[in-house]
């Protein structure tokens, strides 16, 4: 009887360690989500200041339209990225790292393009956060993508211990609505 109790305790320990390693994925995805979403009000506030100083409302209007288009593209890529990374782990366990590297590179490039767009859009009268110390842009595409990739890689290794539907159901959580970027219109003040 003691042998079975020890086995049960050992299985619970392995499951808890695995869960702890894979749960960091949710933290990094949530952090990336909030950093991307925070760019919208920050950029719009900067455009509003430029628009008021130039006495030209078209700067804010056109900038908002352009930012919405770019943000929507990032939101779509973020959703695809999360789903693709989960699929790499669940469906392609032997080639998961190669699959994940491909999707991370594409996601990193998308974030880089978005960051370049923000810099271009806000360059009139100084880049965002350069002239005004009260405004700081906390958006580093390489750092965001690297952190998520590192956590997905750790989760991939830990998920090797999960079997059958447990692995698939766990990574389905990453694709949930909770980690989807908020619609652009809800971020506009």
Protein backbone atom coordinates (compact mmCIF):
# COMPACT_ATOMS: atom_id res chain seq x y z
CA UNK A 1 0.00 0.00 0.00
CA UNK A 2 2.84 2.42 0.76
CA UNK A 3 4.24 1.91 -2.71
CA UNK A 4 1.01 3.17 -4.28
CA UNK A 5 0.90 6.19 -1.98
CA UNK A 6 4.46 7.11 -2.89
CA UNK A 7 3.61 6.72 -6.58
CA UNK A 8 0.58 9.04 -6.20
CA UNK A 9 2.67 11.67 -4.42
CA UNK A 10 5.36 11.42 -7.10
CA UNK A 11 2.80 11.85 -9.89
CA UNK A 12 1.32 14.92 -8.16
CA UNK A 13 4.79 16.41 -7.80
CA UNK A 14 5.57 15.88 -11.49
CA UNK A 15 2.22 17.39 -12.49
CA UNK A 16 2.77 20.45 -10.24
CA UNK A 17 6.27 21.07 -11.63
CA UNK A 18 4.96 20.71 -15.17
CA UNK A 19 2.07 23.07 -14.46
CA UNK A 20 4.39 25.64 -12.89
CA UNK A 21 6.67 25.62 -15.94
CA UNK A 22 3.88 25.88 -18.48
CA UNK A 23 1.92 28.50 -16.54
CA UNK A 24 4.68 31.05 -17.21
CA UNK A 25 3.49 31.06 -20.84
CA UNK A 26 0.24 32.63 -19.73
CA UNK A 27 2.12 35.34 -17.82
CA UNK A 28 4.31 36.34 -20.74
CA UNK A 29 1.38 36.30 -23.19
CA UNK A 30 -0.69 38.47 -20.82
CA UNK A 31 2.25 40.87 -20.39
CA UNK A 32 2.74 41.13 -24.17
CA UNK A 33 -0.98 41.73 -24.59
CA UNK A 34 -0.97 44.62 -22.11
CA UNK A 35 2.18 46.19 -23.62
CA UNK A 36 0.69 46.13 -27.12
CA UNK A 37 -2.63 47.51 -25.91
CA UNK A 38 -0.94 50.35 -23.98
CA UNK A 39 0.58 51.69 -27.18
CA UNK A 40 -2.79 52.85 -28.51
CA UNK A 41 -3.75 55.48 -25.87
CA UNK A 42 -0.11 56.57 -25.62
CA UNK A 43 0.23 57.22 -29.35
CA UNK A 44 -3.17 58.88 -29.55
CA UNK A 45 -2.31 61.19 -26.65
CA UNK A 46 0.91 62.16 -28.42
CA UNK A 47 -0.93 62.76 -31.70
CA UNK A 48 -3.46 64.89 -29.83
CA UNK A 49 -0.67 67.09 -28.43
CA UNK A 50 0.87 67.48 -31.88
CA UNK A 51 -2.53 68.22 -33.40
CA UNK A 52 -3.25 70.91 -30.81
CA UNK A 53 0.20 72.50 -31.10
CA UNK A 54 -0.07 72.63 -34.90
CA UNK A 55 -3.75 73.60 -34.76
CA UNK A 56 -4.44 70.85 -37.30
CA UNK A 57 -7.07 68.27 -36.35
CA UNK A 58 -6.27 66.14 -39.42
CA UNK A 59 -3.06 64.96 -37.71
CA UNK A 60 -5.14 63.27 -35.01
CA UNK A 61 -7.86 62.04 -37.37
CA UNK A 62 -5.52 60.58 -40.00
CA UNK A 63 -3.15 59.24 -37.35
CA UNK A 64 -5.98 57.46 -35.55
CA UNK A 65 -7.14 55.83 -38.78
CA UNK A 66 -3.63 54.70 -39.67
CA UNK A 67 -2.93 53.44 -36.15
CA UNK A 68 -6.17 51.42 -36.14
CA UNK A 69 -5.14 49.69 -39.35
CA UNK A 70 -1.69 48.77 -37.98
CA UNK A 71 -3.03 47.75 -34.57
CA UNK A 72 -5.61 45.46 -36.19
CA UNK A 73 -2.82 43.80 -38.20
CA UNK A 74 -0.82 43.21 -34.99
CA UNK A 75 -3.95 41.88 -33.23
CA UNK A 76 -4.52 39.37 -36.02
CA UNK A 77 -0.88 38.26 -35.99
CA UNK A 78 -0.91 37.96 -32.17
CA UNK A 79 -3.92 35.66 -32.37
CA UNK A 80 -2.33 33.56 -35.11
CA UNK A 81 0.96 33.44 -33.23
CA UNK A 82 -0.59 32.07 -30.04
CA UNK A 83 -2.53 29.45 -31.96
CA UNK A 84 0.44 28.43 -34.09
CA UNK A 85 2.76 28.09 -31.10
CA UNK A 86 0.23 25.90 -29.28
CA UNK A 87 -0.23 23.80 -32.42
CA UNK A 88 3.53 23.37 -32.79
CA UNK A 89 3.72 21.94 -29.28
CA UNK A 90 0.63 19.74 -29.50
CA UNK A 91 0.82 18.46 -33.08
CA UNK A 92 4.52 18.51 -34.00
CA UNK A 93 6.26 17.44 -30.83
CA UNK A 94 9.40 16.19 -32.61
CA UNK A 95 9.78 19.32 -34.75
CA UNK A 96 8.24 21.74 -32.25
CA UNK A 97 11.30 23.95 -31.79
CA UNK A 98 11.78 24.47 -35.54
CA UNK A 99 8.08 25.22 -35.94
CA UNK A 100 8.10 27.65 -32.98
CA UNK A 101 11.23 29.44 -34.21
CA UNK A 102 9.55 30.11 -37.55
CA UNK A 103 6.43 31.62 -35.97
CA UNK A 104 8.42 33.62 -33.41
CA UNK A 105 10.54 35.18 -36.15
CA UNK A 106 7.41 36.22 -38.05
CA UNK A 107 5.79 37.61 -34.87
CA UNK A 108 8.98 39.51 -33.94
CA UNK A 109 9.04 41.07 -37.42
CA UNK A 110 5.38 42.09 -37.10
CA UNK A 111 6.07 43.75 -33.75
CA UNK A 112 9.14 45.45 -35.22
CA UNK A 113 7.09 46.82 -38.10
CA UNK A 114 4.48 48.09 -35.63
CA UNK A 115 7.16 49.80 -33.53
CA UNK A 116 8.67 51.42 -36.65
CA UNK A 117 5.20 52.59 -37.65
CA UNK A 118 4.62 54.16 -34.23
CA UNK A 119 7.97 55.94 -34.45
CA UNK A 120 7.19 57.20 -37.96
CA UNK A 121 3.67 58.29 -37.00
CA UNK A 122 4.83 60.24 -33.95
CA UNK A 123 8.00 61.80 -35.35
CA UNK A 124 6.48 65.22 -36.01
CA UNK A 125 7.66 67.53 -33.21
CA UNK A 126 9.82 64.81 -31.68
CA UNK A 127 9.42 61.09 -31.34
CA UNK A 128 7.07 59.67 -28.75
CA UNK A 129 8.57 60.07 -25.30
CA UNK A 130 11.64 62.03 -26.42
CA UNK A 131 10.53 65.60 -25.67
CA UNK A 132 8.03 64.77 -22.95
CA UNK A 133 9.49 62.88 -19.99
CA UNK A 134 6.00 62.18 -18.64
CA UNK A 135 5.30 59.97 -21.66
CA UNK A 136 7.29 56.74 -21.89
CA UNK A 137 6.76 54.07 -24.50
CA UNK A 138 7.33 50.64 -22.96
CA UNK A 139 7.36 48.62 -26.17
CA UNK A 140 10.43 46.62 -27.15
CA UNK A 141 9.47 44.11 -29.86
CA UNK A 142 12.53 41.87 -29.55
CA UNK A 143 12.21 41.67 -25.78
CA UNK A 144 8.49 40.82 -25.96
CA UNK A 145 8.92 38.12 -28.61
CA UNK A 146 11.98 36.61 -26.91
CA UNK A 147 10.22 36.34 -23.55
CA UNK A 148 7.17 34.61 -25.04
CA UNK A 149 9.38 32.31 -27.12
CA UNK A 150 11.45 31.35 -24.08
CA UNK A 151 8.33 30.54 -22.09
CA UNK A 152 6.78 28.54 -24.93
CA UNK A 153 10.03 26.57 -25.31
CA UNK A 154 10.04 25.76 -21.59
CA UNK A 155 6.37 24.82 -21.80
CA UNK A 156 7.08 22.58 -24.77
CA UNK A 157 9.67 20.65 -22.78
CA UNK A 158 7.40 20.41 -19.75
CA UNK A 159 4.42 19.39 -21.89
CA UNK A 160 6.30 16.28 -22.96
CA UNK A 161 5.23 14.84 -19.63
CA UNK A 162 1.55 15.43 -20.37
CA UNK A 163 -0.26 12.77 -22.33
CA UNK A 164 -3.29 12.58 -24.58
CA UNK A 165 -5.94 15.21 -24.22
CA UNK A 166 -4.29 16.85 -21.19
CA UNK A 167 -1.65 18.44 -23.42
CA UNK A 168 -4.16 19.62 -26.02
CA UNK A 169 -6.64 20.98 -23.49
CA UNK A 170 -3.90 22.81 -21.61
CA UNK A 171 -2.63 24.64 -24.70
CA UNK A 172 -6.17 25.43 -25.83
CA UNK A 173 -6.20 27.91 -22.93
CA UNK A 174 -3.54 30.00 -24.71
CA UNK A 175 -5.95 30.44 -27.62
CA UNK A 176 -8.78 31.68 -25.36
CA UNK A 177 -10.53 35.03 -25.63
CA UNK A 178 -8.80 36.18 -22.42
CA UNK A 179 -5.51 36.55 -24.28
CA UNK A 180 -6.96 38.22 -27.36
CA UNK A 181 -6.04 41.87 -27.87
CA UNK A 182 -8.81 44.31 -27.02
CA UNK A 183 -10.54 45.91 -30.00
CA UNK A 184 -9.01 49.23 -31.04
CA UNK A 185 -12.20 51.20 -30.38
CA UNK A 186 -12.26 50.14 -26.71
CA UNK A 187 -8.71 51.46 -26.19
CA UNK A 188 -9.46 54.94 -27.52
CA UNK A 189 -10.16 57.37 -24.66
